[in-house]
Amino acid sequence: MSESTESRTGGFPVKSPGSSPAGMMVAAVDGLALLAFIAVGLRSHRIGAMAEIAARNAVPLAVTWAAVSAVVGTYRRRDVISLVVTWAIAVPVGLSIRTWWVGSPQGGRLAIFLAVGLGSTLLFLLIGRGALGLVARTRPVWRRDP
């Protein structure tokens, strides 16, 4: 690996997307964090957990997250910068697509929805990654070489 590639990734070599068990673990934890966000949202708005309702809320965010993380290299790099870039792009786009699909909220409520969604997803993602780091007990698993 070239020196410039290692310096851009904090000295950690970049692996190809499916070759890293650590990357797969981080992706799973992030996925669970996003599903927890959806579940809490459905529960707090007292919306039933029917499969169709859950899917129309989860699919836009999940698809957007997967696409953006693939472009950014979130699970190859496994650093905070790639997480924040993915979050800052995928969450507002995914929630906006969800709003277009579902038809609500609109107007000023859309801005509040996006702000709460951004804050909540970031909190869930950081809790998930923090817990994963605690389990690893050394340097965070999202920065560890497999």
N, C-alpha and C. Protein backbone atom coordinates (compact mmCIF):
# COMPACT_ATOMS: atom_id res chain seq x y z
N MET A 1 0.84 -1.16 0.00
CA MET A 1 0.00 0.00 0.00
C MET A 1 0.89 1.22 0.00
N SER A 2 0.48 2.24 -0.68
CA SER A 2 1.30 3.44 -0.78
C SER A 2 1.28 4.22 0.52
N GLU A 3 2.32 5.00 0.73
CA GLU A 3 2.41 5.81 1.94
C GLU A 3 1.29 6.85 1.99
N SER A 4 0.92 7.41 0.84
CA SER A 4 -0.12 8.43 0.83
C SER A 4 -1.48 7.85 1.23
N THR A 5 -1.77 6.62 0.82
CA THR A 5 -3.02 6.00 1.20
C THR A 5 -3.07 5.77 2.70
N GLU A 6 -1.97 5.29 3.28
CA GLU A 6 -1.95 5.06 4.71
C GLU A 6 -2.02 6.36 5.49
N SER A 7 -1.42 7.43 4.99
CA SER A 7 -1.48 8.70 5.72
C SER A 7 -2.89 9.29 5.68
N ARG A 8 -3.63 9.06 4.58
CA ARG A 8 -5.00 9.57 4.50
C ARG A 8 -5.93 8.80 5.42
N THR A 9 -5.60 7.58 5.78
CA THR A 9 -6.47 6.76 6.63
C THR A 9 -5.92 6.66 8.04
N GLY A 10 -5.07 7.56 8.43
CA GLY A 10 -4.55 7.56 9.79
C GLY A 10 -3.54 6.46 10.04
N GLY A 11 -2.88 5.98 8.99
CA GLY A 11 -1.87 4.94 9.14
C GLY A 11 -2.42 3.53 9.07
N PHE A 12 -3.72 3.40 8.87
CA PHE A 12 -4.31 2.08 8.80
C PHE A 12 -4.55 1.71 7.35
N PRO A 13 -4.12 0.53 6.95
CA PRO A 13 -4.32 0.14 5.55
C PRO A 13 -5.81 -0.01 5.24
N VAL A 14 -6.18 0.33 4.03
CA VAL A 14 -7.56 0.23 3.60
C VAL A 14 -7.77 -1.14 2.95
N LYS A 15 -8.77 -1.83 3.40
CA LYS A 15 -9.10 -3.15 2.85
C LYS A 15 -10.25 -3.02 1.85
N SER A 16 -10.39 -4.00 1.01
CA SER A 16 -11.50 -3.98 0.07
C SER A 16 -12.80 -4.24 0.81
N PRO A 17 -13.96 -3.78 0.29
CA PRO A 17 -15.21 -3.84 1.03
C PRO A 17 -15.59 -5.19 1.58
N GLY A 18 -15.70 -6.21 1.38
CA GLY A 18 -16.12 -7.43 2.02
C GLY A 18 -15.02 -8.21 2.65
N SER A 19 -13.78 -7.72 2.65
CA SER A 19 -12.69 -8.53 3.16
C SER A 19 -12.44 -8.33 4.64
N SER A 20 -13.12 -7.43 5.27
CA SER A 20 -12.83 -7.11 6.65
C SER A 20 -13.96 -7.51 7.59
N PRO A 21 -13.70 -8.47 8.49
CA PRO A 21 -14.73 -8.80 9.49
C PRO A 21 -15.06 -7.60 10.37
N ALA A 22 -14.07 -6.76 10.68
CA ALA A 22 -14.33 -5.57 11.49
C ALA A 22 -15.27 -4.63 10.75
N GLY A 23 -15.07 -4.45 9.45
CA GLY A 23 -15.96 -3.59 8.67
C GLY A 23 -17.38 -4.14 8.63
N MET A 24 -17.50 -5.44 8.51
CA MET A 24 -18.83 -6.06 8.51
C MET A 24 -19.50 -5.88 9.87
N MET A 25 -18.73 -5.99 10.95
CA MET A 25 -19.29 -5.82 12.29
C MET A 25 -19.77 -4.38 12.49
N VAL A 26 -18.98 -3.42 12.05
CA VAL A 26 -19.36 -2.02 12.18
C VAL A 26 -20.61 -1.74 11.34
N ALA A 27 -20.68 -2.28 10.13
CA ALA A 27 -21.85 -2.10 9.28
C ALA A 27 -23.09 -2.68 9.95
N ALA A 28 -22.96 -3.83 10.58
CA ALA A 28 -24.09 -4.44 11.28
C ALA A 28 -24.55 -3.57 12.45
N VAL A 29 -23.59 -3.05 13.21
CA VAL A 29 -23.93 -2.18 14.34
C VAL A 29 -24.61 -0.90 13.86
N ASP A 30 -24.09 -0.31 12.79
CA ASP A 30 -24.72 0.89 12.23
C ASP A 30 -26.14 0.57 11.75
N GLY A 31 -26.31 -0.56 11.11
CA GLY A 31 -27.64 -0.97 10.66
C GLY A 31 -28.61 -1.12 11.81
N LEU A 32 -28.15 -1.74 12.89
CA LEU A 32 -29.00 -1.88 14.08
C LEU A 32 -29.33 -0.51 14.69
N ALA A 33 -28.37 0.39 14.68
CA ALA A 33 -28.61 1.74 15.20
C ALA A 33 -29.69 2.46 14.38
N LEU A 34 -29.62 2.33 13.06
CA LEU A 34 -30.63 2.97 12.21
C LEU A 34 -32.00 2.31 12.38
N LEU A 35 -32.02 1.00 12.55
CA LEU A 35 -33.29 0.31 12.81
C LEU A 35 -33.87 0.72 14.17
N ALA A 36 -33.01 0.93 15.15
CA ALA A 36 -33.48 1.39 16.47
C ALA A 36 -34.11 2.77 16.34
N PHE A 37 -33.49 3.64 15.53
CA PHE A 37 -34.05 4.96 15.29
C PHE A 37 -35.46 4.84 14.69
N ILE A 38 -35.62 3.99 13.70
CA ILE A 38 -36.92 3.79 13.06
C ILE A 38 -37.93 3.25 14.09
N ALA A 39 -37.53 2.26 14.87
CA ALA A 39 -38.42 1.65 15.86
C ALA A 39 -38.87 2.67 16.90
N VAL A 40 -37.94 3.48 17.39
CA VAL A 40 -38.29 4.50 18.38
C VAL A 40 -39.24 5.52 17.76
N GLY A 41 -38.98 5.91 16.52
CA GLY A 41 -39.87 6.85 15.84
C GLY A 41 -41.28 6.30 15.68
N LEU A 42 -41.39 5.06 15.27
CA LEU A 42 -42.71 4.44 15.12
C LEU A 42 -43.42 4.34 16.46
N ARG A 43 -42.65 3.96 17.48
CA ARG A 43 -43.24 3.81 18.82
C ARG A 43 -43.66 5.16 19.41
N SER A 44 -42.82 6.17 19.25
CA SER A 44 -43.13 7.47 19.85
C SER A 44 -44.33 8.14 19.18
N HIS A 45 -44.57 7.80 17.92
CA HIS A 45 -45.72 8.36 17.22
C HIS A 45 -46.90 7.39 17.24
N ARG A 46 -46.75 6.34 18.03
CA ARG A 46 -47.81 5.34 18.21
C ARG A 46 -48.32 4.78 16.90
N ILE A 47 -47.38 4.56 15.98
CA ILE A 47 -47.71 3.95 14.70
C ILE A 47 -47.47 2.45 14.85
N GLY A 48 -48.42 1.65 14.45
CA GLY A 48 -48.28 0.21 14.56
C GLY A 48 -47.05 -0.29 13.84
N ALA A 49 -46.56 -1.43 14.28
CA ALA A 49 -45.33 -1.99 13.71
C ALA A 49 -45.62 -2.93 12.56
N MET A 50 -46.64 -2.63 11.78
CA MET A 50 -46.93 -3.45 10.62
C MET A 50 -45.76 -3.39 9.65
N ALA A 51 -45.56 -4.46 8.95
CA ALA A 51 -44.40 -4.56 8.05
C ALA A 51 -44.39 -3.44 7.02
N GLU A 52 -45.53 -3.10 6.45
CA GLU A 52 -45.58 -2.06 5.42
C GLU A 52 -45.18 -0.70 5.99
N ILE A 53 -45.68 -0.37 7.16
CA ILE A 53 -45.35 0.91 7.78
C ILE A 53 -43.87 0.96 8.14
N ALA A 54 -43.35 -0.12 8.70
CA ALA A 54 -41.92 -0.18 9.05
C ALA A 54 -41.06 -0.07 7.79
N ALA A 55 -41.46 -0.77 6.74
CA ALA A 55 -40.67 -0.75 5.51
C ALA A 55 -40.65 0.63 4.87
N ARG A 56 -41.79 1.28 4.80
CA ARG A 56 -41.81 2.59 4.15
C ARG A 56 -41.02 3.63 4.92
N ASN A 57 -40.77 3.38 6.19
CA ASN A 57 -39.94 4.28 6.98
C ASN A 57 -38.46 3.88 6.95
N ALA A 58 -38.20 2.58 6.87
CA ALA A 58 -36.82 2.10 6.93
C ALA A 58 -36.13 2.02 5.57
N VAL A 59 -36.85 1.64 4.55
CA VAL A 59 -36.23 1.40 3.24
C VAL A 59 -35.51 2.63 2.68
N PRO A 60 -36.14 3.81 2.67
CA PRO A 60 -35.41 4.96 2.10
C PRO A 60 -34.11 5.26 2.84
N LEU A 61 -34.13 5.17 4.16
CA LEU A 61 -32.93 5.45 4.94
C LEU A 61 -31.88 4.37 4.72
N ALA A 62 -32.30 3.11 4.73
CA ALA A 62 -31.35 2.01 4.56
C ALA A 62 -30.70 2.03 3.18
N VAL A 63 -31.48 2.26 2.14
CA VAL A 63 -30.94 2.26 0.79
C VAL A 63 -29.99 3.45 0.60
N THR A 64 -30.40 4.61 1.09
CA THR A 64 -29.55 5.78 0.98
C THR A 64 -28.26 5.59 1.76
N TRP A 65 -28.37 5.05 2.98
CA TRP A 65 -27.17 4.81 3.81
C TRP A 65 -26.22 3.85 3.09
N ALA A 66 -26.75 2.77 2.54
CA ALA A 66 -25.90 1.79 1.85
C ALA A 66 -25.20 2.42 0.65
N ALA A 67 -25.92 3.21 -0.13
CA ALA A 67 -25.33 3.83 -1.31
C ALA A 67 -24.24 4.84 -0.93
N VAL A 68 -24.54 5.69 0.01
CA VAL A 68 -23.57 6.72 0.41
C VAL A 68 -22.35 6.07 1.07
N SER A 69 -22.57 5.08 1.93
CA SER A 69 -21.43 4.44 2.60
C SER A 69 -20.54 3.71 1.61
N ALA A 70 -21.12 3.18 0.54
CA ALA A 70 -20.30 2.52 -0.49
C ALA A 70 -19.43 3.54 -1.21
N VAL A 71 -19.99 4.70 -1.53
CA VAL A 71 -19.23 5.74 -2.22
C VAL A 71 -18.16 6.33 -1.30
N VAL A 72 -18.51 6.60 -0.06
CA VAL A 72 -17.59 7.22 0.89
C VAL A 72 -16.53 6.23 1.37
N GLY A 73 -16.86 4.95 1.38
CA GLY A 73 -15.93 3.94 1.90
C GLY A 73 -16.00 3.82 3.41
N THR A 74 -17.17 4.03 3.95
CA THR A 74 -17.37 4.05 5.40
C THR A 74 -16.88 2.78 6.08
N TYR A 75 -17.08 1.63 5.49
CA TYR A 75 -16.72 0.38 6.14
C TYR A 75 -15.36 -0.16 5.70
N ARG A 76 -14.76 0.49 4.75
CA ARG A 76 -13.36 0.20 4.44
C ARG A 76 -12.46 1.03 5.35
N ARG A 77 -12.80 2.30 5.50
CA ARG A 77 -11.98 3.21 6.30
C ARG A 77 -12.26 3.07 7.79
N ARG A 78 -13.52 2.94 8.15
CA ARG A 78 -13.96 2.78 9.53
C ARG A 78 -13.44 3.88 10.46
N ASP A 79 -13.47 5.11 10.00
CA ASP A 79 -13.04 6.22 10.85
C ASP A 79 -14.22 7.17 11.09
N VAL A 80 -14.04 8.08 12.00
CA VAL A 80 -15.10 9.00 12.37
C VAL A 80 -15.46 9.93 11.21
N ILE A 81 -14.49 10.35 10.44
CA ILE A 81 -14.77 11.26 9.32
C ILE A 81 -15.69 10.60 8.30
N SER A 82 -15.42 9.36 7.94
CA SER A 82 -16.29 8.70 6.95
C SER A 82 -17.69 8.47 7.53
N LEU A 83 -17.79 8.20 8.83
CA LEU A 83 -19.10 8.06 9.46
C LEU A 83 -19.87 9.38 9.39
N VAL A 84 -19.22 10.47 9.74
CA VAL A 84 -19.89 11.77 9.76
C VAL A 84 -20.30 12.20 8.34
N VAL A 85 -19.44 11.97 7.36
CA VAL A 85 -19.79 12.31 5.98
C VAL A 85 -20.99 11.48 5.52
N THR A 86 -20.96 10.20 5.80
CA THR A 86 -22.08 9.33 5.42
C THR A 86 -23.36 9.78 6.10
N TRP A 87 -23.28 10.03 7.39
CA TRP A 87 -24.44 10.48 8.17
C TRP A 87 -24.99 11.80 7.63
N ALA A 88 -24.10 12.76 7.37
CA ALA A 88 -24.53 14.10 6.95
C ALA A 88 -25.19 14.10 5.58
N ILE A 89 -24.86 13.12 4.75
CA ILE A 89 -25.48 13.04 3.42
C ILE A 89 -26.67 12.09 3.44
N ALA A 90 -26.48 10.89 3.96
CA ALA A 90 -27.50 9.84 3.85
C ALA A 90 -28.75 10.12 4.67
N VAL A 91 -28.59 10.63 5.87
CA VAL A 91 -29.78 10.81 6.72
C VAL A 91 -30.73 11.87 6.16
N PRO A 92 -30.26 13.08 5.85
CA PRO A 92 -31.24 14.04 5.30
C PRO A 92 -31.84 13.59 3.96
N VAL A 93 -31.03 12.97 3.11
CA VAL A 93 -31.56 12.50 1.83
C VAL A 93 -32.56 11.37 2.07
N GLY A 94 -32.19 10.40 2.89
CA GLY A 94 -33.09 9.27 3.18
C GLY A 94 -34.40 9.72 3.83
N LEU A 95 -34.30 10.63 4.79
CA LEU A 95 -35.52 11.12 5.45
C LEU A 95 -36.36 11.97 4.50
N SER A 96 -35.72 12.69 3.59
CA SER A 96 -36.47 13.47 2.60
C SER A 96 -37.20 12.56 1.62
N ILE A 97 -36.54 11.49 1.20
CA ILE A 97 -37.20 10.51 0.32
C ILE A 97 -38.37 9.87 1.04
N ARG A 98 -38.15 9.52 2.31
CA ARG A 98 -39.23 8.94 3.12
C ARG A 98 -40.41 9.91 3.21
N THR A 99 -40.12 11.19 3.40
CA THR A 99 -41.18 12.20 3.50
C THR A 99 -41.94 12.30 2.18
N TRP A 100 -41.22 12.30 1.06
CA TRP A 100 -41.86 12.35 -0.24
C TRP A 100 -42.76 11.12 -0.45
N TRP A 101 -42.25 9.94 -0.05
CA TRP A 101 -42.97 8.68 -0.23
C TRP A 101 -44.22 8.64 0.64
N VAL A 102 -44.08 9.02 1.90
CA VAL A 102 -45.18 8.93 2.86
C VAL A 102 -46.12 10.12 2.75
N GLY A 103 -45.58 11.28 2.41
CA GLY A 103 -46.41 12.47 2.25
C GLY A 103 -46.43 13.38 3.48
N SER A 104 -45.65 13.07 4.47
CA SER A 104 -45.60 13.93 5.65
C SER A 104 -44.25 13.75 6.33
N PRO A 105 -43.80 14.67 7.09
CA PRO A 105 -44.37 15.98 7.37
C PRO A 105 -44.09 16.97 6.24
N GLN A 106 -44.77 18.10 6.29
CA GLN A 106 -44.60 19.13 5.28
C GLN A 106 -44.39 20.48 5.95
N GLY A 107 -43.94 21.44 5.16
CA GLY A 107 -43.76 22.80 5.66
C GLY A 107 -42.70 22.89 6.73
N GLY A 108 -42.99 23.69 7.75
CA GLY A 108 -42.05 23.89 8.85
C GLY A 108 -41.78 22.63 9.64
N ARG A 109 -42.72 21.72 9.64
CA ARG A 109 -42.53 20.46 10.36
C ARG A 109 -41.45 19.59 9.72
N LEU A 110 -41.24 19.76 8.43
CA LEU A 110 -40.20 19.00 7.75
C LEU A 110 -38.83 19.36 8.30
N ALA A 111 -38.57 20.62 8.52
CA ALA A 111 -37.28 21.05 9.08
C ALA A 111 -37.08 20.46 10.48
N ILE A 112 -38.12 20.46 11.27
CA ILE A 112 -38.03 19.88 12.62
C ILE A 112 -37.78 18.38 12.53
N PHE A 113 -38.50 17.71 11.63
CA PHE A 113 -38.33 16.27 11.42
C PHE A 113 -36.89 15.94 11.03
N LEU A 114 -36.34 16.72 10.10
CA LEU A 114 -34.96 16.47 9.66
C LEU A 114 -33.96 16.73 10.80
N ALA A 115 -34.18 17.79 11.56
CA ALA A 115 -33.28 18.10 12.68
C ALA A 115 -33.32 17.01 13.74
N VAL A 116 -34.52 16.58 14.10
CA VAL A 116 -34.65 15.50 15.10
C VAL A 116 -34.07 14.21 14.54
N GLY A 117 -34.33 13.94 13.28
CA GLY A 117 -33.79 12.73 12.66
C GLY A 117 -32.27 12.73 12.62
N LEU A 118 -31.67 13.86 12.27
CA LEU A 118 -30.21 13.96 12.25
C LEU A 118 -29.63 13.76 13.65
N GLY A 119 -30.18 14.45 14.61
CA GLY A 119 -29.66 14.31 15.98
C GLY A 119 -29.84 12.91 16.54
N SER A 120 -31.01 12.34 16.33
CA SER A 120 -31.30 11.01 16.86
C SER A 120 -30.45 9.93 16.21
N THR A 121 -30.34 9.98 14.89
CA THR A 121 -29.53 8.95 14.22
C THR A 121 -28.07 9.04 14.64
N LEU A 122 -27.56 10.27 14.77
CA LEU A 122 -26.17 10.41 15.21
C LEU A 122 -25.99 9.84 16.60
N LEU A 123 -26.93 10.11 17.49
CA LEU A 123 -26.85 9.57 18.85
C LEU A 123 -26.85 8.04 18.82
N PHE A 124 -27.77 7.44 18.08
CA PHE A 124 -27.84 5.98 18.00
C PHE A 124 -26.55 5.40 17.39
N LEU A 125 -26.05 6.03 16.34
CA LEU A 125 -24.82 5.54 15.70
C LEU A 125 -23.63 5.62 16.66
N LEU A 126 -23.50 6.72 17.38
CA LEU A 126 -22.39 6.87 18.31
C LEU A 126 -22.50 5.91 19.49
N ILE A 127 -23.71 5.68 19.98
CA ILE A 127 -23.90 4.70 21.04
C ILE A 127 -23.49 3.31 20.55
N GLY A 128 -23.93 2.95 19.35
CA GLY A 128 -23.59 1.64 18.80
C GLY A 128 -22.09 1.47 18.63
N ARG A 129 -21.45 2.47 18.04
CA ARG A 129 -20.00 2.37 17.82
C ARG A 129 -19.24 2.44 19.13
N GLY A 130 -19.73 3.22 20.08
CA GLY A 130 -19.08 3.28 21.40
C GLY A 130 -19.17 1.94 22.11
N ALA A 131 -20.34 1.31 22.05
CA ALA A 131 -20.51 0.00 22.67
C ALA A 131 -19.60 -1.02 22.01
N LEU A 132 -19.49 -0.96 20.71
CA LEU A 132 -18.61 -1.87 19.99
C LEU A 132 -17.15 -1.64 20.40
N GLY A 133 -16.77 -0.38 20.57
CA GLY A 133 -15.43 -0.06 21.03
C GLY A 133 -15.16 -0.57 22.44
N LEU A 134 -16.16 -0.50 23.31
CA LEU A 134 -16.01 -1.01 24.67
C LEU A 134 -15.84 -2.53 24.67
N VAL A 135 -16.58 -3.18 23.81
CA VAL A 135 -16.46 -4.63 23.71
C VAL A 135 -15.07 -5.01 23.23
N ALA A 136 -14.54 -4.25 22.31
CA ALA A 136 -13.21 -4.53 21.77
C ALA A 136 -12.12 -4.28 22.80
N ARG A 137 -12.34 -3.33 23.72
CA ARG A 137 -11.45 -3.00 24.84
C ARG A 137 -10.10 -2.40 24.47
N THR A 138 -9.74 -2.39 23.22
CA THR A 138 -8.49 -1.75 22.83
C THR A 138 -8.86 -0.57 21.96
N ARG A 139 -8.16 -0.33 20.88
CA ARG A 139 -8.60 0.75 20.02
C ARG A 139 -9.90 0.35 19.34
N PRO A 140 -10.71 1.31 18.98
CA PRO A 140 -12.04 1.00 18.44
C PRO A 140 -11.98 0.03 17.28
N VAL A 141 -12.95 -0.89 17.24
CA VAL A 141 -12.99 -1.92 16.22
C VAL A 141 -13.11 -1.33 14.82
N TRP A 142 -13.70 -0.13 14.71
CA TRP A 142 -13.84 0.44 13.38
C TRP A 142 -12.53 0.97 12.85
N ARG A 143 -11.47 0.99 13.68
CA ARG A 143 -10.15 1.40 13.22
C ARG A 143 -9.15 0.26 13.29
N ARG A 144 -9.55 -0.90 13.74
CA ARG A 144 -8.65 -2.01 13.92
C ARG A 144 -8.44 -2.77 12.62
N ASP A 145 -7.21 -3.23 12.42
CA ASP A 145 -6.91 -4.08 11.28
C ASP A 145 -7.41 -5.49 11.59
N PRO A 146 -8.01 -6.16 10.62
CA PRO A 146 -8.50 -7.53 10.88
C PRO A 146 -7.35 -8.50 11.07
